[in-house]
N, C-alpha and C. Protein backbone atom coordinates (compact mmCIF):
# COMPACT_ATOMS: atom_id res chain seq x y z
N MET A 1 33.03 -9.14 20.42
CA MET A 1 31.93 -9.65 19.68
C MET A 1 30.71 -9.64 20.61
N ARG A 2 30.91 -10.18 21.83
CA ARG A 2 29.73 -10.33 22.75
C ARG A 2 28.98 -8.84 23.05
N ALA A 3 29.95 -7.93 23.20
CA ALA A 3 29.46 -6.48 23.48
C ALA A 3 28.80 -5.98 22.27
N GLN A 4 29.14 -6.32 21.01
CA GLN A 4 28.47 -5.85 19.85
C GLN A 4 27.13 -6.44 19.70
N LEU A 5 27.07 -7.84 19.93
CA LEU A 5 25.82 -8.47 19.91
C LEU A 5 24.79 -7.95 20.98
N SER A 6 25.35 -7.73 22.18
CA SER A 6 24.51 -7.15 23.26
C SER A 6 23.90 -5.84 22.88
N ALA A 7 24.80 -4.94 22.28
CA ALA A 7 24.30 -3.63 21.91
C ALA A 7 23.32 -3.59 20.76
N PHE A 8 23.62 -4.58 19.84
CA PHE A 8 22.63 -4.81 18.74
C PHE A 8 21.22 -5.27 19.22
N TYR A 9 21.26 -6.07 20.15
CA TYR A 9 19.95 -6.60 20.68
C TYR A 9 19.20 -5.58 21.47
N ARG A 10 19.96 -4.72 22.22
CA ARG A 10 19.36 -3.58 22.88
C ARG A 10 18.82 -2.56 21.98
N ALA A 11 19.31 -2.37 20.82
CA ALA A 11 18.82 -1.48 19.78
C ALA A 11 17.69 -1.98 18.99
N ASN A 12 17.54 -3.27 18.92
CA ASN A 12 16.51 -3.91 18.13
C ASN A 12 15.71 -5.06 18.80
N LYS A 13 14.48 -4.96 18.77
CA LYS A 13 13.77 -6.02 19.34
C LYS A 13 13.75 -7.25 18.43
N PRO A 14 13.34 -8.53 19.00
CA PRO A 14 13.51 -9.74 18.17
C PRO A 14 12.72 -9.64 16.89
N SER A 15 11.53 -8.97 16.85
CA SER A 15 10.78 -8.86 15.60
C SER A 15 11.52 -8.05 14.61
N GLY A 16 12.23 -7.01 14.97
CA GLY A 16 13.04 -6.24 14.11
C GLY A 16 14.25 -7.00 13.63
N ILE A 17 14.89 -7.82 14.39
CA ILE A 17 16.03 -8.70 13.96
C ILE A 17 15.53 -9.73 12.98
N LEU A 18 14.42 -10.37 13.32
CA LEU A 18 13.88 -11.40 12.25
C LEU A 18 13.53 -10.75 10.88
N THR A 19 12.80 -9.57 11.04
CA THR A 19 12.33 -8.92 9.78
C THR A 19 13.64 -8.50 8.87
N MET A 20 14.73 -7.90 9.64
CA MET A 20 15.74 -7.49 8.96
C MET A 20 16.60 -8.70 8.20
N ALA A 21 16.59 -9.78 8.98
CA ALA A 21 17.27 -10.94 8.43
C ALA A 21 16.57 -11.45 7.17
N VAL A 22 15.18 -11.60 7.25
CA VAL A 22 14.40 -11.92 6.03
C VAL A 22 14.64 -10.91 4.90
N TYR A 23 14.52 -9.66 5.24
CA TYR A 23 14.72 -8.61 4.20
C TYR A 23 16.07 -8.78 3.52
N ARG A 24 17.16 -8.91 4.40
CA ARG A 24 18.52 -8.86 3.73
C ARG A 24 18.68 -10.17 2.83
N PHE A 25 17.99 -11.21 3.31
CA PHE A 25 18.11 -12.43 2.50
C PHE A 25 17.39 -12.27 1.11
N GLY A 26 16.24 -11.63 1.17
CA GLY A 26 15.39 -11.36 -0.07
C GLY A 26 16.13 -10.44 -0.93
N ASN A 27 16.66 -9.31 -0.31
CA ASN A 27 17.35 -8.21 -1.05
C ASN A 27 18.60 -8.81 -1.79
N THR A 28 19.33 -9.71 -1.07
CA THR A 28 20.54 -10.24 -1.68
C THR A 28 20.11 -11.14 -2.90
N ILE A 29 19.00 -11.89 -2.80
CA ILE A 29 18.57 -12.71 -3.91
C ILE A 29 18.07 -11.77 -5.03
N TYR A 30 17.42 -10.79 -4.67
CA TYR A 30 16.68 -9.86 -5.70
C TYR A 30 17.69 -9.19 -6.57
N TYR A 31 18.80 -8.64 -5.96
CA TYR A 31 19.80 -7.85 -6.56
C TYR A 31 21.03 -8.60 -7.03
N ARG A 32 21.42 -9.64 -6.28
CA ARG A 32 22.79 -10.23 -6.67
C ARG A 32 22.69 -11.62 -7.24
N CYS A 33 21.68 -12.40 -7.01
CA CYS A 33 21.56 -13.86 -7.54
C CYS A 33 21.25 -13.82 -8.98
N ARG A 34 22.04 -14.31 -9.88
CA ARG A 34 21.90 -14.40 -11.24
C ARG A 34 21.75 -15.84 -11.84
N ILE A 35 21.72 -16.72 -10.97
CA ILE A 35 21.69 -18.15 -11.51
C ILE A 35 20.32 -18.52 -11.84
N PRO A 36 20.06 -18.79 -13.11
CA PRO A 36 18.71 -18.96 -13.66
C PRO A 36 17.83 -19.89 -12.95
N VAL A 37 18.32 -21.13 -12.58
CA VAL A 37 17.43 -22.14 -11.87
C VAL A 37 17.29 -21.82 -10.41
N LEU A 38 18.34 -21.30 -9.73
CA LEU A 38 18.42 -21.20 -8.32
C LEU A 38 17.56 -19.93 -7.91
N ARG A 39 17.58 -18.84 -8.73
CA ARG A 39 16.95 -17.63 -8.30
C ARG A 39 15.47 -17.78 -8.09
N PRO A 40 14.67 -18.39 -8.98
CA PRO A 40 13.28 -18.52 -8.67
C PRO A 40 13.01 -19.32 -7.40
N LEU A 41 13.84 -20.37 -7.15
CA LEU A 41 13.62 -21.20 -5.93
C LEU A 41 13.86 -20.44 -4.65
N LEU A 42 14.99 -19.62 -4.67
CA LEU A 42 15.31 -18.75 -3.53
C LEU A 42 14.20 -17.68 -3.35
N LEU A 43 13.83 -17.13 -4.50
CA LEU A 43 12.67 -16.08 -4.34
C LEU A 43 11.44 -16.69 -3.85
N LEU A 44 11.14 -17.92 -4.02
CA LEU A 44 9.92 -18.57 -3.58
C LEU A 44 10.10 -18.78 -2.00
N LEU A 45 11.34 -19.26 -1.62
CA LEU A 45 11.69 -19.40 -0.13
C LEU A 45 11.54 -18.04 0.52
N TYR A 46 12.01 -17.00 -0.12
CA TYR A 46 11.90 -15.62 0.45
C TYR A 46 10.46 -15.27 0.67
N ALA A 47 9.69 -15.48 -0.33
CA ALA A 47 8.20 -15.26 -0.31
C ALA A 47 7.50 -15.87 0.81
N ILE A 48 7.85 -17.19 1.02
CA ILE A 48 7.26 -17.92 2.10
C ILE A 48 7.75 -17.37 3.43
N LEU A 49 8.99 -17.09 3.63
CA LEU A 49 9.51 -16.48 4.91
C LEU A 49 8.89 -15.02 5.16
N ASP A 50 8.85 -14.29 4.05
CA ASP A 50 8.22 -12.93 4.16
C ASP A 50 6.78 -12.98 4.62
N ASN A 51 6.03 -13.85 4.03
CA ASN A 51 4.67 -13.98 4.44
C ASN A 51 4.43 -14.47 5.85
N LEU A 52 5.22 -15.45 6.16
CA LEU A 52 5.02 -16.08 7.53
C LEU A 52 5.66 -15.25 8.64
N ILE A 53 6.83 -14.92 8.45
CA ILE A 53 7.54 -14.14 9.60
C ILE A 53 7.20 -12.62 9.59
N VAL A 54 7.52 -11.97 8.55
CA VAL A 54 7.40 -10.53 8.41
C VAL A 54 5.97 -10.07 8.44
N LYS A 55 5.19 -10.56 7.56
CA LYS A 55 3.77 -10.09 7.52
C LYS A 55 2.93 -10.66 8.60
N LEU A 56 2.93 -11.91 8.76
CA LEU A 56 1.98 -12.48 9.65
C LEU A 56 2.42 -12.43 11.16
N LEU A 57 3.68 -12.69 11.39
CA LEU A 57 4.23 -12.68 12.77
C LEU A 57 4.39 -11.22 13.28
N CYS A 58 5.04 -10.36 12.45
CA CYS A 58 5.48 -9.07 12.81
C CYS A 58 4.47 -7.98 12.36
N GLY A 59 3.65 -8.20 11.41
CA GLY A 59 2.67 -7.22 10.99
C GLY A 59 3.37 -6.03 10.21
N ALA A 60 4.39 -6.36 9.43
CA ALA A 60 5.16 -5.26 8.70
C ALA A 60 5.30 -5.74 7.29
N GLU A 61 5.74 -4.78 6.51
CA GLU A 61 6.02 -5.01 5.11
C GLU A 61 7.40 -4.40 4.67
N PHE A 62 8.37 -5.21 4.44
CA PHE A 62 9.74 -4.89 4.04
C PHE A 62 10.10 -5.64 2.75
N PRO A 63 9.58 -5.07 1.59
CA PRO A 63 9.85 -5.67 0.29
C PRO A 63 11.34 -5.82 0.03
N ALA A 64 11.75 -6.92 -0.68
CA ALA A 64 13.10 -7.13 -0.95
C ALA A 64 13.67 -6.11 -1.96
N ARG A 65 12.74 -5.44 -2.68
CA ARG A 65 13.12 -4.50 -3.74
C ARG A 65 13.73 -3.15 -3.17
N CYS A 66 13.21 -2.80 -1.93
CA CYS A 66 13.56 -1.48 -1.41
C CYS A 66 15.03 -1.58 -1.03
N ARG A 67 15.53 -0.36 -0.86
CA ARG A 67 17.12 -0.22 -0.55
C ARG A 67 17.13 0.32 0.82
N ILE A 68 17.81 -0.48 1.73
CA ILE A 68 17.97 0.04 3.13
C ILE A 68 19.48 -0.04 3.40
N GLY A 69 20.04 1.05 3.97
CA GLY A 69 21.52 1.18 4.34
C GLY A 69 21.76 0.40 5.58
N LYS A 70 23.05 0.72 5.96
CA LYS A 70 23.55 -0.13 7.24
C LYS A 70 22.96 0.54 8.50
N GLY A 71 22.84 -0.25 9.44
CA GLY A 71 22.48 0.30 10.73
C GLY A 71 21.07 0.80 10.95
N LEU A 72 20.12 0.14 10.36
CA LEU A 72 18.71 0.54 10.53
C LEU A 72 18.36 0.07 11.94
N ARG A 73 17.83 0.98 12.68
CA ARG A 73 17.34 0.79 14.10
C ARG A 73 15.80 0.65 14.15
N LEU A 74 15.37 -0.45 14.72
CA LEU A 74 13.90 -0.63 14.92
C LEU A 74 13.64 -0.77 16.45
N PRO A 75 13.60 0.26 17.24
CA PRO A 75 13.60 0.19 18.69
C PRO A 75 12.47 -0.56 19.28
N HIS A 76 11.30 -0.48 18.55
CA HIS A 76 9.94 -1.14 19.06
C HIS A 76 9.84 -2.28 18.10
N GLY A 77 10.71 -2.83 17.43
CA GLY A 77 10.52 -4.01 16.51
C GLY A 77 9.99 -3.48 15.20
N ALA A 78 9.45 -4.40 14.42
CA ALA A 78 8.95 -4.07 13.16
C ALA A 78 7.51 -3.98 13.14
N ASN A 79 6.84 -3.71 14.29
CA ASN A 79 5.46 -3.60 14.55
C ASN A 79 4.85 -2.61 13.65
N GLY A 80 4.08 -3.00 12.46
CA GLY A 80 3.38 -2.14 11.64
C GLY A 80 4.10 -1.33 10.76
N ILE A 81 5.39 -1.50 10.59
CA ILE A 81 6.16 -0.68 9.60
C ILE A 81 5.91 -1.12 8.20
N ILE A 82 5.49 -0.25 7.30
CA ILE A 82 5.14 -0.41 5.96
C ILE A 82 6.08 0.27 5.03
N LEU A 83 6.87 -0.37 4.09
CA LEU A 83 7.76 0.30 3.19
C LEU A 83 7.29 0.13 1.82
N HIS A 84 7.33 1.03 0.98
CA HIS A 84 7.14 1.03 -0.49
C HIS A 84 8.30 0.15 -1.10
N GLY A 85 8.00 -0.49 -2.19
CA GLY A 85 9.01 -1.45 -2.80
C GLY A 85 10.13 -0.55 -3.40
N ASN A 86 9.95 0.69 -3.68
CA ASN A 86 11.02 1.54 -4.23
C ASN A 86 11.64 2.54 -3.25
N ALA A 87 11.19 2.40 -1.99
CA ALA A 87 11.73 3.30 -0.87
C ALA A 87 13.25 3.13 -0.79
N VAL A 88 13.97 4.31 -0.47
CA VAL A 88 15.38 4.18 -0.31
C VAL A 88 15.60 4.77 1.07
N ILE A 89 16.43 4.00 1.95
CA ILE A 89 16.64 4.52 3.35
C ILE A 89 18.08 4.44 3.50
N GLY A 90 18.72 5.53 4.00
CA GLY A 90 20.11 5.72 4.22
C GLY A 90 20.66 4.86 5.44
N ASP A 91 21.89 5.25 5.80
CA ASP A 91 22.53 4.57 6.84
C ASP A 91 22.10 5.17 8.25
N SER A 92 22.10 4.39 9.25
CA SER A 92 21.86 4.80 10.60
C SER A 92 20.53 5.55 10.81
N VAL A 93 19.43 4.93 10.16
CA VAL A 93 18.10 5.54 10.25
C VAL A 93 17.44 4.71 11.48
N THR A 94 16.53 5.45 12.26
CA THR A 94 15.72 4.89 13.26
C THR A 94 14.27 5.09 12.87
N LEU A 95 13.59 3.95 12.81
CA LEU A 95 12.19 3.88 12.50
C LEU A 95 11.47 3.32 13.72
N PHE A 96 10.52 4.07 14.34
CA PHE A 96 9.70 3.54 15.29
C PHE A 96 8.43 2.92 14.77
N HIS A 97 7.60 2.35 15.61
CA HIS A 97 6.56 1.48 15.16
C HIS A 97 5.48 2.29 14.48
N GLN A 98 4.78 1.55 13.55
CA GLN A 98 3.69 2.11 12.70
C GLN A 98 4.15 3.15 11.70
N VAL A 99 5.27 3.14 11.30
CA VAL A 99 5.71 4.09 10.26
C VAL A 99 5.36 3.64 8.88
N THR A 100 4.98 4.48 8.00
CA THR A 100 4.64 4.24 6.66
C THR A 100 5.47 4.99 5.66
N LEU A 101 6.17 4.38 4.78
CA LEU A 101 6.83 5.13 3.67
C LEU A 101 6.17 4.60 2.40
N GLY A 102 5.29 5.32 1.84
CA GLY A 102 4.44 4.83 0.75
C GLY A 102 4.20 5.82 -0.33
N MET A 103 3.31 5.46 -1.28
CA MET A 103 2.96 6.33 -2.42
C MET A 103 1.86 7.30 -1.95
N ARG A 104 1.73 8.31 -2.66
CA ARG A 104 0.84 9.35 -2.29
C ARG A 104 -0.52 9.22 -3.14
N ASP A 105 -0.42 8.87 -4.42
CA ASP A 105 -1.59 8.75 -5.17
C ASP A 105 -1.45 7.72 -6.32
N LEU A 106 -2.46 7.18 -6.82
CA LEU A 106 -2.40 6.03 -7.81
C LEU A 106 -1.76 6.44 -9.11
N GLU A 107 -1.75 7.72 -9.43
CA GLU A 107 -1.28 8.11 -10.69
C GLU A 107 0.22 7.82 -10.84
N GLU A 108 1.02 7.91 -9.58
CA GLU A 108 2.35 7.69 -9.64
C GLU A 108 2.68 6.48 -8.72
N PRO A 109 2.49 5.30 -9.15
CA PRO A 109 2.69 4.11 -8.29
C PRO A 109 4.15 3.83 -7.91
N GLU A 110 5.00 4.35 -8.77
CA GLU A 110 6.42 4.17 -8.50
C GLU A 110 7.16 5.21 -7.70
N ALA A 111 6.37 6.28 -7.26
CA ALA A 111 6.95 7.43 -6.56
C ALA A 111 7.01 7.03 -5.02
N ALA A 112 8.28 6.97 -4.55
CA ALA A 112 8.51 6.50 -3.18
C ALA A 112 9.46 7.43 -2.47
N PRO A 113 9.41 7.47 -1.17
CA PRO A 113 10.23 8.35 -0.37
C PRO A 113 11.73 7.93 -0.34
N HIS A 114 12.53 8.89 -0.19
CA HIS A 114 14.01 8.74 -0.13
C HIS A 114 14.45 9.33 1.31
N ILE A 115 14.91 8.55 2.12
CA ILE A 115 15.28 8.93 3.50
C ILE A 115 16.84 8.98 3.54
N GLY A 116 17.33 10.15 4.05
CA GLY A 116 18.83 10.39 4.20
C GLY A 116 19.29 9.59 5.37
N SER A 117 20.59 9.74 5.51
CA SER A 117 21.30 8.98 6.67
C SER A 117 21.02 9.72 7.96
N SER A 118 21.14 9.08 9.05
CA SER A 118 20.99 9.55 10.39
C SER A 118 19.65 10.28 10.60
N VAL A 119 18.56 9.75 10.15
CA VAL A 119 17.23 10.34 10.26
C VAL A 119 16.45 9.53 11.38
N VAL A 120 15.74 10.30 12.13
CA VAL A 120 14.89 9.65 13.14
C VAL A 120 13.43 9.89 12.68
N ILE A 121 12.56 8.84 12.54
CA ILE A 121 11.20 8.93 12.15
C ILE A 121 10.33 8.45 13.28
N GLY A 122 9.57 9.39 13.91
CA GLY A 122 8.68 8.95 15.01
C GLY A 122 7.55 8.00 14.81
N ALA A 123 6.96 7.49 15.89
CA ALA A 123 5.94 6.53 15.88
C ALA A 123 4.70 6.95 15.04
N GLY A 124 4.26 6.27 14.08
CA GLY A 124 3.07 6.61 13.37
C GLY A 124 3.20 7.52 12.23
N ALA A 125 4.44 7.95 12.03
CA ALA A 125 4.68 8.93 10.87
C ALA A 125 4.38 8.42 9.59
N LYS A 126 3.85 9.16 8.71
CA LYS A 126 3.61 8.74 7.24
C LYS A 126 4.36 9.71 6.34
N ILE A 127 5.22 9.06 5.50
CA ILE A 127 5.97 9.88 4.59
C ILE A 127 5.52 9.27 3.17
N LEU A 128 4.81 10.26 2.34
CA LEU A 128 4.09 9.79 1.21
C LEU A 128 4.56 10.44 -0.05
N GLY A 129 4.75 9.69 -1.11
CA GLY A 129 5.00 10.16 -2.40
C GLY A 129 6.53 10.35 -2.71
N ARG A 130 6.92 11.12 -3.62
CA ARG A 130 8.31 11.27 -4.09
C ARG A 130 8.80 12.43 -3.17
N VAL A 131 9.15 12.03 -1.91
CA VAL A 131 9.62 13.03 -0.90
C VAL A 131 10.98 12.61 -0.53
N THR A 132 11.83 13.67 -0.25
CA THR A 132 13.24 13.40 0.23
C THR A 132 13.27 14.05 1.55
N VAL A 133 13.81 13.12 2.66
CA VAL A 133 14.03 13.58 3.94
C VAL A 133 15.53 13.76 4.05
N GLY A 134 15.97 14.95 4.19
CA GLY A 134 17.52 15.22 4.31
C GLY A 134 18.23 14.51 5.43
N GLN A 135 19.53 14.47 5.43
CA GLN A 135 20.33 13.92 6.43
C GLN A 135 20.12 14.57 7.75
N HIS A 136 20.30 13.80 8.82
CA HIS A 136 20.27 14.26 10.18
C HIS A 136 18.99 15.03 10.50
N SER A 137 17.90 14.74 9.89
CA SER A 137 16.56 15.27 10.20
C SER A 137 15.82 14.46 11.24
N SER A 138 14.68 15.06 11.52
CA SER A 138 13.72 14.22 12.44
C SER A 138 12.31 14.46 11.90
N VAL A 139 11.55 13.42 11.93
CA VAL A 139 10.12 13.51 11.63
C VAL A 139 9.34 13.18 12.88
N GLY A 140 8.39 13.99 13.28
CA GLY A 140 7.67 13.85 14.57
C GLY A 140 6.69 12.67 14.50
N ALA A 141 6.27 12.24 15.72
CA ALA A 141 5.29 11.12 15.77
C ALA A 141 3.99 11.63 15.08
N ASN A 142 3.39 10.75 14.36
CA ASN A 142 2.16 10.94 13.65
C ASN A 142 2.16 12.08 12.63
N ALA A 143 3.33 12.50 12.27
CA ALA A 143 3.42 13.62 11.28
C ALA A 143 3.09 12.94 9.82
N VAL A 144 2.56 13.76 8.91
CA VAL A 144 2.26 13.27 7.54
C VAL A 144 3.12 14.16 6.64
N VAL A 145 4.18 13.62 6.14
CA VAL A 145 5.07 14.35 5.25
C VAL A 145 4.72 14.25 3.77
N ILE A 146 4.41 15.33 3.14
CA ILE A 146 4.03 15.29 1.73
C ILE A 146 4.99 16.11 0.89
N ARG A 147 5.84 16.87 1.58
CA ARG A 147 6.82 17.75 0.88
C ARG A 147 8.24 17.42 1.37
N ASP A 148 9.24 17.81 0.70
CA ASP A 148 10.68 17.50 1.11
C ASP A 148 10.97 18.17 2.46
N VAL A 149 11.86 17.44 3.17
CA VAL A 149 12.25 18.02 4.47
C VAL A 149 13.83 18.24 4.33
N PRO A 150 14.19 19.49 4.43
CA PRO A 150 15.66 19.76 4.26
C PRO A 150 16.53 19.11 5.33
N GLY A 151 17.71 18.91 5.09
CA GLY A 151 18.68 18.29 6.13
C GLY A 151 18.81 19.07 7.43
N HIS A 152 19.12 18.45 8.40
CA HIS A 152 19.27 19.12 9.70
C HIS A 152 18.08 19.89 10.25
N SER A 153 16.90 19.29 10.02
CA SER A 153 15.59 19.99 10.41
C SER A 153 14.71 19.03 11.05
N THR A 154 13.53 19.58 11.60
CA THR A 154 12.59 18.83 12.24
C THR A 154 11.21 19.11 11.64
N ALA A 155 10.45 18.09 11.21
CA ALA A 155 9.08 18.25 10.70
C ALA A 155 8.09 17.50 11.56
N VAL A 156 6.95 18.34 11.85
CA VAL A 156 5.89 17.77 12.68
C VAL A 156 4.59 18.33 12.12
N GLY A 157 3.60 17.59 12.57
CA GLY A 157 2.13 18.02 12.20
C GLY A 157 1.55 17.31 10.97
N VAL A 158 0.35 17.62 10.77
CA VAL A 158 -0.51 17.09 9.66
C VAL A 158 -1.06 18.33 8.83
N PRO A 159 -0.65 18.50 7.69
CA PRO A 159 0.54 18.04 6.98
C PRO A 159 1.79 18.64 7.69
N ALA A 160 2.84 17.90 7.54
CA ALA A 160 4.10 18.30 8.28
C ALA A 160 4.61 19.63 7.79
N ARG A 161 5.12 20.32 8.85
CA ARG A 161 5.84 21.68 8.55
C ARG A 161 7.04 21.61 9.26
N ILE A 162 8.15 22.46 8.81
CA ILE A 162 9.36 22.50 9.38
C ILE A 162 9.31 23.40 10.59
N THR A 163 9.68 22.85 11.80
CA THR A 163 9.59 23.60 12.90
C THR A 163 10.96 24.09 13.36
N SER A 164 12.00 23.57 13.06
CA SER A 164 13.33 24.02 13.45
C SER A 164 14.37 23.43 12.40
N LYS A 165 15.43 24.27 12.27
CA LYS A 165 16.52 23.97 11.42
C LYS A 165 17.76 23.95 12.38
N ARG A 166 18.60 22.96 12.27
CA ARG A 166 19.71 22.84 13.05
C ARG A 166 20.90 23.48 12.33
N ASP A 167 21.39 24.65 12.79
CA ASP A 167 22.77 25.07 12.28
C ASP A 167 23.75 24.31 12.99
N ARG A 168 24.82 24.11 12.42
CA ARG A 168 25.88 23.03 12.80
C ARG A 168 25.90 22.96 14.36
N ARG A 169 25.91 24.06 15.19
CA ARG A 169 26.04 23.95 16.54
C ARG A 169 24.80 24.42 17.33
N LYS A 170 23.81 24.99 16.73
CA LYS A 170 22.65 25.54 17.55
C LYS A 170 21.36 25.19 16.75
N VAL A 171 20.28 25.11 17.47
CA VAL A 171 18.93 24.87 16.94
C VAL A 171 18.30 26.22 16.81
N VAL A 172 17.86 26.62 15.61
CA VAL A 172 17.10 27.84 15.43
C VAL A 172 15.65 27.57 15.16
N ALA A 173 14.81 28.02 16.18
CA ALA A 173 13.36 27.71 16.07
C ALA A 173 12.80 28.68 15.05
N LEU A 174 11.86 28.16 14.21
CA LEU A 174 11.21 28.98 13.28
C LEU A 174 9.95 29.42 13.93
N ARG A 175 9.60 30.69 13.94
CA ARG A 175 8.46 31.16 14.61
C ARG A 175 7.15 31.02 13.78
N PRO A 176 6.15 30.52 14.35
CA PRO A 176 4.88 30.31 13.57
C PRO A 176 4.25 31.73 13.39
N ARG A 177 3.40 31.87 12.38
CA ARG A 177 2.76 33.03 12.31
C ARG A 177 1.72 33.17 13.38
N PRO A 178 1.45 34.43 13.94
CA PRO A 178 0.53 34.56 15.02
C PRO A 178 -0.82 34.26 14.56
N LEU A 179 -1.75 33.73 15.25
CA LEU A 179 -3.06 33.45 14.96
C LEU A 179 -3.84 34.70 15.18
N THR A 180 -4.47 35.14 14.15
CA THR A 180 -5.28 36.41 14.06
C THR A 180 -6.77 36.11 13.69
N THR A 181 -7.61 36.98 13.91
CA THR A 181 -9.03 36.64 13.62
C THR A 181 -9.17 36.60 12.09
N ASP A 182 -8.26 37.22 11.24
CA ASP A 182 -8.33 37.14 9.93
C ASP A 182 -8.16 35.56 9.45
N ARG A 183 -7.14 35.03 10.09
CA ARG A 183 -6.87 33.63 9.71
C ARG A 183 -7.95 32.67 10.16
N ILE A 184 -8.57 33.03 11.27
CA ILE A 184 -9.56 32.12 11.78
C ILE A 184 -10.79 32.08 10.84
N ARG A 185 -11.14 33.28 10.36
CA ARG A 185 -12.27 33.39 9.46
C ARG A 185 -11.96 32.91 8.11
N GLY A 186 -10.70 32.92 7.78
CA GLY A 186 -10.27 32.38 6.42
C GLY A 186 -10.19 33.49 5.43
N ASP A 187 -10.16 34.83 5.82
CA ASP A 187 -10.02 35.95 5.07
C ASP A 187 -8.71 36.13 4.48
């Protein structure tokens, strides 16, 4: 038990642990509590904890409505992580600081990203709109993802492009088109 707690603390900073505790509390109330008088009181308590601890202290937004799987890692704490209320995050996902999973435009306010299991999302990455990031993929730091990312691949850049796909045992690098004078002039 002690070894498990030690490993958990090494994988998550205190702000991440507090954020996830408040999120799990709110998520349980939001989806499982059906007692008519108790539910509004518990949601009020969650709102107070969310505003004080998660938003004010940690500078993050983890709505109780979003779905987060088991084993979410926040190596730098919850510093600046913003999640859309309809976002879905799989198991064993790693989110670095300043990550945004949000909507792309105002016409589709309910469109939110879906993140597969065992995905690593780099610091400052933005994943916007109804985008799916496949299992065992990586999103580079400061990448802006506006299209689906297939499983076992890496997306980098603004807007993000797929730079490699992992075949079960090897990484296959995708070659970028060579830069020519035609592409520089826009012809």
